[in-house]
Amino acid sequence: MEKGIVRFCDLREREVINACDCKRLGCVTDVILNMCDGRVEAIILPGPGRICGFLGYDAEYIIPFECIRKFGPDIILVEICEEKCLKKCK
């Protein structure tokens, strides 16, 4: 595969870490694509679980692509304010 190209299944294996507080946010579960120009708009991760994740999730992190600082071999480093990126699930 060409340098700089990543498959979605590879993204799902990388842990997302917030550079602001070094907190582990989880792994990518989905992406938002702009179908007009083919760009990735955001990555989506499950939010904090209700009771340690046992009862599912009622929120998710929607992290805009411009907040991604670095793609590493094992992690994705983002710089976000968690409250702004945490959205309630419908």
Protein backbone atom coordinates (compact mmCIF):
# COMPACT_ATOMS: atom_id res chain seq x y z
CA MET A 1 0.00 0.00 0.00
CA GLU A 2 1.23 3.51 -0.79
CA LYS A 3 2.73 5.66 1.94
CA GLY A 4 0.09 7.97 3.47
CA ILE A 5 -2.82 5.68 2.63
CA VAL A 6 -4.65 3.86 5.43
CA ARG A 7 -7.50 1.39 5.23
CA PHE A 8 -10.50 1.83 7.51
CA CYS A 9 -9.92 -1.58 9.10
CA ASP A 10 -6.43 -0.36 10.11
CA LEU A 11 -7.89 2.79 11.69
CA ARG A 12 -10.20 0.67 13.85
CA GLU A 13 -7.18 -0.98 15.46
CA ARG A 14 -5.59 2.29 16.57
CA GLU A 15 -6.30 3.84 19.93
CA VAL A 16 -7.20 7.53 20.00
CA ILE A 17 -5.45 9.66 22.62
CA ASN A 18 -6.23 13.28 23.51
CA ALA A 19 -2.97 15.26 23.55
CA CYS A 20 -4.49 17.89 25.88
CA ASP A 21 -4.74 15.55 28.88
CA CYS A 22 -3.18 12.28 27.59
CA LYS A 23 -6.52 10.52 28.11
CA ARG A 24 -7.32 7.38 26.13
CA LEU A 25 -10.60 7.92 24.31
CA GLY A 26 -11.01 4.53 22.63
CA CYS A 27 -10.79 3.17 19.08
CA VAL A 28 -12.35 4.46 15.89
CA THR A 29 -15.74 2.90 15.14
CA ASP A 30 -16.79 4.97 12.13
CA VAL A 31 -15.87 7.89 9.87
CA ILE A 32 -17.87 10.71 8.33
CA LEU A 33 -17.09 11.21 4.64
CA ASN A 34 -17.84 14.22 2.47
CA MET A 35 -19.24 12.52 -0.62
CA CYS A 36 -18.83 15.64 -2.80
CA ASP A 37 -15.04 15.82 -2.59
CA GLY A 38 -14.15 12.47 -0.99
CA ARG A 39 -12.64 13.91 2.19
CA VAL A 40 -12.84 12.45 5.67
CA GLU A 41 -14.73 15.02 7.75
CA ALA A 42 -14.50 13.34 11.17
CA ILE A 43 -13.80 10.15 13.05
CA ILE A 44 -16.29 8.66 15.50
CA LEU A 45 -15.54 6.84 18.76
CA PRO A 46 -17.85 5.48 21.45
CA GLY A 47 -18.21 7.84 24.40
CA PRO A 48 -17.81 6.92 28.05
CA GLY A 49 -19.91 3.88 29.03
CA ARG A 50 -22.81 4.08 31.44
CA ILE A 51 -21.43 1.59 33.96
CA CYS A 52 -17.91 0.76 32.75
CA GLY A 53 -19.40 0.12 29.31
CA PHE A 54 -21.54 -2.80 30.49
CA LEU A 55 -24.84 -1.12 29.69
CA GLY A 56 -23.71 0.32 26.38
CA TYR A 57 -23.00 3.89 25.40
CA ASP A 58 -25.32 6.88 25.28
CA ALA A 59 -22.83 9.29 23.69
CA GLU A 60 -20.08 9.30 21.11
CA TYR A 61 -17.07 11.42 20.29
CA ILE A 62 -17.26 13.08 16.87
CA ILE A 63 -13.75 14.37 16.26
CA PRO A 64 -13.28 16.71 13.27
CA PHE A 65 -10.41 15.74 10.98
CA GLU A 66 -8.66 19.06 11.60
CA CYS A 67 -8.29 18.08 15.29
CA ILE A 68 -6.16 15.05 14.39
CA ARG A 69 -2.53 15.91 15.08
CA LYS A 70 -0.72 12.68 14.20
CA PHE A 71 -1.34 9.20 12.85
CA GLY A 72 1.09 6.78 14.44
CA PRO A 73 1.50 3.05 13.80
CA ASP A 74 -0.53 2.22 16.95
CA ILE A 75 -2.31 5.43 17.97
CA ILE A 76 -4.08 8.48 16.61
CA LEU A 77 -3.19 11.65 18.50
CA VAL A 78 -5.95 14.29 18.65
CA GLU A 79 -6.25 17.66 20.33
CA ILE A 80 -9.83 18.27 21.47
CA CYS A 81 -11.99 19.74 24.18
CA GLU A 82 -13.95 16.61 25.13
CA GLU A 83 -17.14 18.49 26.00
CA LYS A 84 -17.32 19.99 22.50
CA CYS A 85 -16.82 16.66 20.73
CA LEU A 86 -19.02 14.48 22.95
CA LYS A 87 -22.50 14.16 21.40
CA LYS A 88 -25.53 12.27 22.70
CA CYS A 89 -26.57 9.27 20.61
CA LYS A 90 -30.06 9.41 19.18
